[in-house]
């Protein structure tokens, strides 16, 4: 009996007219949109340079068929700063009005998405600070993320945790109590001071009073009793 061998049918080849996702072209074949309202000099270019050196071109530059850049001005400047002769480009046959509207949409629509703070923090925790900075999160961003996580996990009603607790009447008005709070940055210290409605001096920010002042405080307290 002849054995029949089943074969997985091969996928049909794409038609010759299929649009090419990207092609490598000389950098000199492209030029920026002269009226691009997006400011992307300086630090943004430096960060994209670091990204290209680490990962390569993850996304091609989008350009009109005449070489005018639609999306990717920062990538083009970074490539120039790195001395790259060729860059990946996806060409789109758009008239000027449509191309410029797409350029605006490419930048603006990226601002609409929100981050899942807890998931983002979990992922970033697996990387070093330098890696997080390469991905675009500097120390200020990480502080803001930590603050957001703290706000998300805070109780909606601060008085709930005290419900059912016995009443306590503090008779000793001279008793001292200390609360030690750790902050991530000076900005958080200033925000806390603003919340309290008072200025936090070096004295109030210290965990311990200077020895002599502590002794004077003790002597004064016991002298009043």
C-alpha atoms as a PDB file:
ATOM      1  CA  UNK A   1       0.000   0.000   0.000  1.00  0.00           C
ATOM      2  CA  UNK A   2       1.438   3.342  -1.034  1.00  0.00           C
ATOM      3  CA  UNK A   3       1.951   5.730   1.874  1.00  0.00           C
ATOM      4  CA  UNK A   4       0.497   9.184   1.391  1.00  0.00           C
ATOM      5  CA  UNK A   5       2.564  12.081   2.736  1.00  0.00           C
ATOM      6  CA  UNK A   6       0.565  15.143   3.610  1.00  0.00           C
ATOM      7  CA  UNK A   7       2.255  18.477   3.004  1.00  0.00           C
ATOM      8  CA  UNK A   8       1.376  21.855   4.408  1.00  0.00           C
ATOM      9  CA  UNK A   9       0.444  24.064   1.515  1.00  0.00           C
ATOM     10  CA  UNK A  10       2.933  26.846   0.950  1.00  0.00           C
ATOM     11  CA  UNK A  11       1.786  30.395   1.556  1.00  0.00           C
ATOM     12  CA  UNK A  12       1.227  32.241  -1.676  1.00  0.00           C
ATOM     13  CA  UNK A  13       3.872  34.831  -2.489  1.00  0.00           C
ATOM     14  CA  UNK A  14       2.733  38.424  -2.080  1.00  0.00           C
ATOM     15  CA  UNK A  15       1.769  40.118  -5.307  1.00  0.00           C
ATOM     16  CA  UNK A  16       4.457  42.178  -6.984  1.00  0.00           C
ATOM     17  CA  UNK A  17       2.393  45.294  -6.398  1.00  0.00           C
ATOM     18  CA  UNK A  18       2.509  44.844  -2.610  1.00  0.00           C
ATOM     19  CA  UNK A  19       3.661  47.978  -0.816  1.00  0.00           C
ATOM     20  CA  UNK A  20       7.179  47.817   0.596  1.00  0.00           C
ATOM     21  CA  UNK A  21       7.281  48.505   4.327  1.00  0.00           C
ATOM     22  CA  UNK A  22      10.653  50.264   4.202  1.00  0.00           C
ATOM     23  CA  UNK A  23      13.740  50.656   2.048  1.00  0.00           C
ATOM     24  CA  UNK A  24      17.252  51.839   2.867  1.00  0.00           C
ATOM     25  CA  UNK A  25      18.103  55.097   1.126  1.00  0.00           C
ATOM     26  CA  UNK A  26      20.904  57.671   1.352  1.00  0.00           C
ATOM     27  CA  UNK A  27      20.239  60.118   4.169  1.00  0.00           C
ATOM     28  CA  UNK A  28      20.818  62.950   1.706  1.00  0.00           C
ATOM     29  CA  UNK A  29      17.697  61.863  -0.209  1.00  0.00           C
ATOM     30  CA  UNK A  30      15.517  63.196   2.627  1.00  0.00           C
ATOM     31  CA  UNK A  31      14.762  66.697   3.832  1.00  0.00           C
ATOM     32  CA  UNK A  32      12.829  67.963   6.848  1.00  0.00           C
ATOM     33  CA  UNK A  33       9.407  69.567   6.657  1.00  0.00           C
ATOM     34  CA  UNK A  34      10.387  73.232   6.824  1.00  0.00           C
ATOM     35  CA  UNK A  35       7.352  74.217   8.904  1.00  0.00           C
ATOM     36  CA  UNK A  36       7.473  71.326  11.368  1.00  0.00           C
ATOM     37  CA  UNK A  37       6.076  72.780  14.644  1.00  0.00           C
ATOM     38  CA  UNK A  38       7.554  69.992  16.761  1.00  0.00           C
ATOM     39  CA  UNK A  39      10.737  71.045  18.583  1.00  0.00           C
ATOM     40  CA  UNK A  40      13.152  68.132  18.587  1.00  0.00           C
ATOM     41  CA  UNK A  41      16.662  69.573  18.905  1.00  0.00           C
ATOM     42  CA  UNK A  42      19.095  68.995  21.754  1.00  0.00           C
ATOM     43  CA  UNK A  43      18.213  66.351  24.334  1.00  0.00           C
ATOM     44  CA  UNK A  44      15.614  64.463  22.224  1.00  0.00           C
ATOM     45  CA  UNK A  45      18.215  63.942  19.489  1.00  0.00           C
ATOM     46  CA  UNK A  46      20.805  62.736  22.011  1.00  0.00           C
ATOM     47  CA  UNK A  47      18.365  60.199  23.466  1.00  0.00           C
ATOM     48  CA  UNK A  48      17.422  58.862  20.023  1.00  0.00           C
ATOM     49  CA  UNK A  49      21.123  58.592  19.154  1.00  0.00           C
ATOM     50  CA  UNK A  50      21.653  56.377  22.208  1.00  0.00           C
ATOM     51  CA  UNK A  51      18.637  54.281  21.255  1.00  0.00           C
ATOM     52  CA  UNK A  52      19.860  53.781  17.682  1.00  0.00           C
ATOM     53  CA  UNK A  53      23.337  52.826  18.910  1.00  0.00           C
ATOM     54  CA  UNK A  54      21.814  50.268  21.301  1.00  0.00           C
ATOM     55  CA  UNK A  55      18.966  48.822  19.233  1.00  0.00           C
ATOM     56  CA  UNK A  56      19.350  50.109  15.687  1.00  0.00           C
ATOM     57  CA  UNK A  57      16.439  51.625  13.765  1.00  0.00           C
ATOM     58  CA  UNK A  58      13.313  50.145  15.341  1.00  0.00           C
ATOM     59  CA  UNK A  59      11.000  52.332  13.256  1.00  0.00           C
ATOM     60  CA  UNK A  60      11.619  53.669   9.757  1.00  0.00           C
ATOM     61  CA  UNK A  61      11.338  57.314   8.838  1.00  0.00           C
ATOM     62  CA  UNK A  62       8.072  58.168   7.067  1.00  0.00           C
ATOM     63  CA  UNK A  63       8.486  60.430   4.042  1.00  0.00           C
ATOM     64  CA  UNK A  64       6.643  61.684   1.005  1.00  0.00           C
ATOM     65  CA  UNK A  65       7.778  60.416  -2.395  1.00  0.00           C
ATOM     66  CA  UNK A  66       9.626  63.716  -2.908  1.00  0.00           C
ATOM     67  CA  UNK A  67      11.788  63.037   0.177  1.00  0.00           C
ATOM     68  CA  UNK A  68      10.042  65.397   2.610  1.00  0.00           C
ATOM     69  CA  UNK A  69       9.935  63.806   6.068  1.00  0.00           C
ATOM     70  CA  UNK A  70       6.477  63.242   7.528  1.00  0.00           C
ATOM     71  CA  UNK A  71       7.418  61.441  10.747  1.00  0.00           C
ATOM     72  CA  UNK A  72      10.912  60.825  12.051  1.00  0.00           C
ATOM     73  CA  UNK A  73      12.581  64.241  12.100  1.00  0.00           C
ATOM     74  CA  UNK A  74      14.387  63.377  15.340  1.00  0.00           C
ATOM     75  CA  UNK A  75      15.534  60.030  13.933  1.00  0.00           C
ATOM     76  CA  UNK A  76      16.890  61.801  10.849  1.00  0.00           C
ATOM     77  CA  UNK A  77      18.832  64.314  12.966  1.00  0.00           C
ATOM     78  CA  UNK A  78      20.156  61.509  15.158  1.00  0.00           C
ATOM     79  CA  UNK A  79      21.312  59.591  12.074  1.00  0.00           C
ATOM     80  CA  UNK A  80      23.088  62.702  10.817  1.00  0.00           C
ATOM     81  CA  UNK A  81      24.772  63.215  14.205  1.00  0.00           C
ATOM     82  CA  UNK A  82      25.897  59.572  14.159  1.00  0.00           C
ATOM     83  CA  UNK A  83      27.281  59.960  10.664  1.00  0.00           C
ATOM     84  CA  UNK A  84      24.989  57.314   9.142  1.00  0.00           C
ATOM     85  CA  UNK A  85      24.896  57.421   5.346  1.00  0.00           C
ATOM     86  CA  UNK A  86      21.732  55.361   4.894  1.00  0.00           C
ATOM     87  CA  UNK A  87      18.441  55.244   6.795  1.00  0.00           C
ATOM     88  CA  UNK A  88      15.290  53.092   6.529  1.00  0.00           C
ATOM     89  CA  UNK A  89      12.373  54.940   4.938  1.00  0.00           C
ATOM     90  CA  UNK A  90       8.740  54.157   4.264  1.00  0.00           C
ATOM     91  CA  UNK A  91       7.472  56.285   1.397  1.00  0.00           C
ATOM     92  CA  UNK A  92       3.859  57.426   1.229  1.00  0.00           C
ATOM     93  CA  UNK A  93       2.284  59.066  -1.816  1.00  0.00           C
ATOM     94  CA  UNK A  94       0.479  61.934  -0.075  1.00  0.00           C
ATOM     95  CA  UNK A  95      -0.161  65.499  -1.118  1.00  0.00           C
ATOM     96  CA  UNK A  96       1.322  68.227   1.134  1.00  0.00           C
ATOM     97  CA  UNK A  97      -1.878  68.876   3.102  1.00  0.00           C
ATOM     98  CA  UNK A  98      -2.453  65.195   3.915  1.00  0.00           C
ATOM     99  CA  UNK A  99       1.232  64.625   4.727  1.00  0.00           C
ATOM    100  CA  UNK A 100       1.364  67.560   7.125  1.00  0.00           C
ATOM    101  CA  UNK A 101      -1.853  66.496   8.833  1.00  0.00           C
ATOM    102  CA  UNK A 102      -0.389  63.010   9.295  1.00  0.00           C
ATOM    103  CA  UNK A 103       2.775  64.566  10.752  1.00  0.00           C
ATOM    104  CA  UNK A 104       0.695  66.387  13.357  1.00  0.00           C
ATOM    105  CA  UNK A 105      -1.362  63.282  14.100  1.00  0.00           C
ATOM    106  CA  UNK A 106       1.753  61.116  14.492  1.00  0.00           C
ATOM    107  CA  UNK A 107       2.991  63.350  17.294  1.00  0.00           C
ATOM    108  CA  UNK A 108      -0.299  64.264  18.945  1.00  0.00           C
ATOM    109  CA  UNK A 109      -1.983  60.858  19.015  1.00  0.00           C
ATOM    110  CA  UNK A 110       0.995  59.374  20.873  1.00  0.00           C
ATOM    111  CA  UNK A 111       0.145  61.718  23.755  1.00  0.00           C
ATOM    112  CA  UNK A 112      -3.331  60.205  24.171  1.00  0.00           C
ATOM    113  CA  UNK A 113      -2.210  56.832  25.529  1.00  0.00           C
ATOM    114  CA  UNK A 114      -1.827  56.329  29.279  1.00  0.00           C
ATOM    115  CA  UNK A 115       0.537  54.098  31.219  1.00  0.00           C
ATOM    116  CA  UNK A 116      -0.413  51.356  33.652  1.00  0.00           C
ATOM    117  CA  UNK A 117       1.685  52.681  36.539  1.00  0.00           C
ATOM    118  CA  UNK A 118       2.035  49.433  38.499  1.00  0.00           C
ATOM    119  CA  UNK A 119       2.873  47.364  35.419  1.00  0.00           C
ATOM    120  CA  UNK A 120       5.325  50.000  34.198  1.00  0.00           C
ATOM    121  CA  UNK A 121       7.057  50.145  37.586  1.00  0.00           C
ATOM    122  CA  UNK A 122       7.314  46.348  37.655  1.00  0.00           C
ATOM    123  CA  UNK A 123       8.955  46.267  34.225  1.00  0.00           C
ATOM    124  CA  UNK A 124      11.333  49.162  34.914  1.00  0.00           C
ATOM    125  CA  UNK A 125      12.441  47.529  38.166  1.00  0.00           C
ATOM    126  CA  UNK A 126      14.162  44.831  36.083  1.00  0.00           C
ATOM    127  CA  UNK A 127      16.458  47.410  34.486  1.00  0.00           C
ATOM    128  CA  UNK A 128      19.229  49.676  35.698  1.00  0.00           C
ATOM    129  CA  UNK A 129      18.735  53.425  36.016  1.00  0.00           C
ATOM    130  CA  UNK A 130      20.821  53.943  32.862  1.00  0.00           C
ATOM    131  CA  UNK A 131      18.611  51.535  30.919  1.00  0.00           C
ATOM    132  CA  UNK A 132      15.473  53.270  32.197  1.00  0.00           C
ATOM    133  CA  UNK A 133      16.954  56.618  31.129  1.00  0.00           C
ATOM    134  CA  UNK A 134      17.711  55.164  27.681  1.00  0.00           C
ATOM    135  CA  UNK A 135      14.043  54.219  27.394  1.00  0.00           C
ATOM    136  CA  UNK A 136      13.087  57.810  28.279  1.00  0.00           C
ATOM    137  CA  UNK A 137      12.499  57.713  32.063  1.00  0.00           C
ATOM    138  CA  UNK A 138      14.798  60.052  33.982  1.00  0.00           C
ATOM    139  CA  UNK A 139      14.935  60.471  37.772  1.00  0.00           C
ATOM    140  CA  UNK A 140      12.102  63.030  37.740  1.00  0.00           C
ATOM    141  CA  UNK A 141       9.886  60.609  35.795  1.00  0.00           C
ATOM    142  CA  UNK A 142      10.672  57.785  38.219  1.00  0.00           C
ATOM    143  CA  UNK A 143       9.883  60.035  41.213  1.00  0.00           C
ATOM    144  CA  UNK A 144       6.577  60.981  39.605  1.00  0.00           C
ATOM    145  CA  UNK A 145       5.802  57.309  38.979  1.00  0.00           C
ATOM    146  CA  UNK A 146       6.539  56.465  42.616  1.00  0.00           C
ATOM    147  CA  UNK A 147       4.256  59.292  43.750  1.00  0.00           C
ATOM    148  CA  UNK A 148       1.502  58.075  41.438  1.00  0.00           C
ATOM    149  CA  UNK A 149       1.793  54.540  42.772  1.00  0.00           C
ATOM    150  CA  UNK A 150       1.585  55.862  46.331  1.00  0.00           C
ATOM    151  CA  UNK A 151      -1.547  57.824  45.478  1.00  0.00           C
ATOM    152  CA  UNK A 152      -3.136  54.790  43.821  1.00  0.00           C
ATOM    153  CA  UNK A 153      -2.570  52.559  46.846  1.00  0.00           C
ATOM    154  CA  UNK A 154      -3.626  55.108  49.467  1.00  0.00           C
ATOM    155  CA  UNK A 155      -6.912  54.494  51.276  1.00  0.00           C
ATOM    156  CA  UNK A 156      -9.809  56.422  49.832  1.00  0.00           C
ATOM    157  CA  UNK A 157     -10.910  57.367  53.360  1.00  0.00           C
ATOM    158  CA  UNK A 158      -7.973  57.929  55.773  1.00  0.00           C
ATOM    159  CA  UNK A 159     -10.322  57.556  58.754  1.00  0.00           C
ATOM    160  CA  UNK A 160     -11.294  53.996  57.843  1.00  0.00           C
ATOM    161  CA  UNK A 161      -8.214  52.467  59.448  1.00  0.00           C
ATOM    162  CA  UNK A 162      -9.136  54.100  62.772  1.00  0.00           C
ATOM    163  CA  UNK A 163     -12.682  52.789  62.876  1.00  0.00           C
ATOM    164  CA  UNK A 164     -13.244  50.500  65.865  1.00  0.00           C
ATOM    165  CA  UNK A 165     -10.085  51.661  67.629  1.00  0.00           C
ATOM    166  CA  UNK A 166     -10.458  52.653  71.326  1.00  0.00           C
ATOM    167  CA  UNK A 167     -10.492  56.339  72.178  1.00  0.00           C
ATOM    168  CA  UNK A 168      -7.261  57.603  73.662  1.00  0.00           C
ATOM    169  CA  UNK A 169      -6.900  60.773  75.679  1.00  0.00           C
ATOM    170  CA  UNK A 170      -3.330  62.062  75.876  1.00  0.00           C
ATOM    171  CA  UNK A 171      -2.917  63.628  79.313  1.00  0.00           C
ATOM    172  CA  UNK A 172       0.812  64.319  79.109  1.00  0.00           C
ATOM    173  CA  UNK A 173       0.894  67.425  76.952  1.00  0.00           C
ATOM    174  CA  UNK A 174       4.707  67.642  77.164  1.00  0.00           C
ATOM    175  CA  UNK A 175       5.316  64.194  75.730  1.00  0.00           C
ATOM    176  CA  UNK A 176       7.381  64.212  72.552  1.00  0.00           C
ATOM    177  CA  UNK A 177       6.648  62.021  69.602  1.00  0.00           C
ATOM    178  CA  UNK A 178       8.763  61.640  66.477  1.00  0.00           C
ATOM    179  CA  UNK A 179       7.676  60.550  63.030  1.00  0.00           C
ATOM    180  CA  UNK A 180      10.455  59.775  60.551  1.00  0.00           C
ATOM    181  CA  UNK A 181       9.455  60.210  56.909  1.00  0.00           C
ATOM    182  CA  UNK A 182      11.720  59.283  54.004  1.00  0.00           C
ATOM    183  CA  UNK A 183      11.401  61.235  50.759  1.00  0.00           C
ATOM    184  CA  UNK A 184      12.727  60.404  47.322  1.00  0.00           C
ATOM    185  CA  UNK A 185      13.722  63.943  46.397  1.00  0.00           C
ATOM    186  CA  UNK A 186      13.911  67.515  47.627  1.00  0.00           C
ATOM    187  CA  UNK A 187      10.842  68.280  45.516  1.00  0.00           C
ATOM    188  CA  UNK A 188       8.822  65.825  47.618  1.00  0.00           C
ATOM    189  CA  UNK A 189      10.129  67.477  50.802  1.00  0.00           C
ATOM    190  CA  UNK A 190       8.986  70.876  49.529  1.00  0.00           C
ATOM    191  CA  UNK A 191       5.567  69.511  48.544  1.00  0.00           C
ATOM    192  CA  UNK A 192       5.176  67.966  52.009  1.00  0.00           C
ATOM    193  CA  UNK A 193       6.105  71.276  53.627  1.00  0.00           C
ATOM    194  CA  UNK A 194       3.523  73.060  51.494  1.00  0.00           C
ATOM    195  CA  UNK A 195       0.922  70.512  52.553  1.00  0.00           C
ATOM    196  CA  UNK A 196       1.716  71.187  56.204  1.00  0.00           C
ATOM    197  CA  UNK A 197       1.586  74.913  55.616  1.00  0.00           C
ATOM    198  CA  UNK A 198       4.964  75.543  57.199  1.00  0.00           C
ATOM    199  CA  UNK A 199       8.615  75.736  56.272  1.00  0.00           C
ATOM    200  CA  UNK A 200      10.799  72.719  56.997  1.00  0.00           C
ATOM    201  CA  UNK A 201      14.143  73.928  58.307  1.00  0.00           C
ATOM    202  CA  UNK A 202      17.328  71.895  58.582  1.00  0.00           C
ATOM    203  CA  UNK A 203      16.441  71.397  62.251  1.00  0.00           C
ATOM    204  CA  UNK A 204      13.017  69.942  61.580  1.00  0.00           C
ATOM    205  CA  UNK A 205      14.374  67.736  58.809  1.00  0.00           C
ATOM    206  CA  UNK A 206      16.983  66.176  61.080  1.00  0.00           C
ATOM    207  CA  UNK A 207      16.329  62.839  62.745  1.00  0.00           C
ATOM    208  CA  UNK A 208      18.348  63.823  65.842  1.00  0.00           C
ATOM    209  CA  UNK A 209      18.836  67.199  67.449  1.00  0.00           C
ATOM    210  CA  UNK A 210      22.448  68.269  68.041  1.00  0.00           C
ATOM    211  CA  UNK A 211      23.696  66.857  71.345  1.00  0.00           C
ATOM    212  CA  UNK A 212      23.927  70.159  73.218  1.00  0.00           C
ATOM    213  CA  UNK A 213      20.498  71.310  72.059  1.00  0.00           C
ATOM    214  CA  UNK A 214      19.015  67.956  73.054  1.00  0.00           C
ATOM    215  CA  UNK A 215      20.515  68.332  76.526  1.00  0.00           C
ATOM    216  CA  UNK A 216      19.161  71.888  76.823  1.00  0.00           C
ATOM    217  CA  UNK A 217      15.716  70.689  75.781  1.00  0.00           C
ATOM    218  CA  UNK A 218      15.746  67.936  78.380  1.00  0.00           C
ATOM    219  CA  UNK A 219      16.944  70.310  81.132  1.00  0.00           C
ATOM    220  CA  UNK A 220      14.247  72.840  80.278  1.00  0.00           C
ATOM    221  CA  UNK A 221      11.510  70.213  80.222  1.00  0.00           C
ATOM    222  CA  UNK A 222      12.426  68.712  83.582  1.00  0.00           C
ATOM    223  CA  UNK A 223      12.983  72.173  85.079  1.00  0.00           C
ATOM    224  CA  UNK A 224       9.376  73.097  84.248  1.00  0.00           C
ATOM    225  CA  UNK A 225       7.960  70.067  86.021  1.00  0.00           C
END
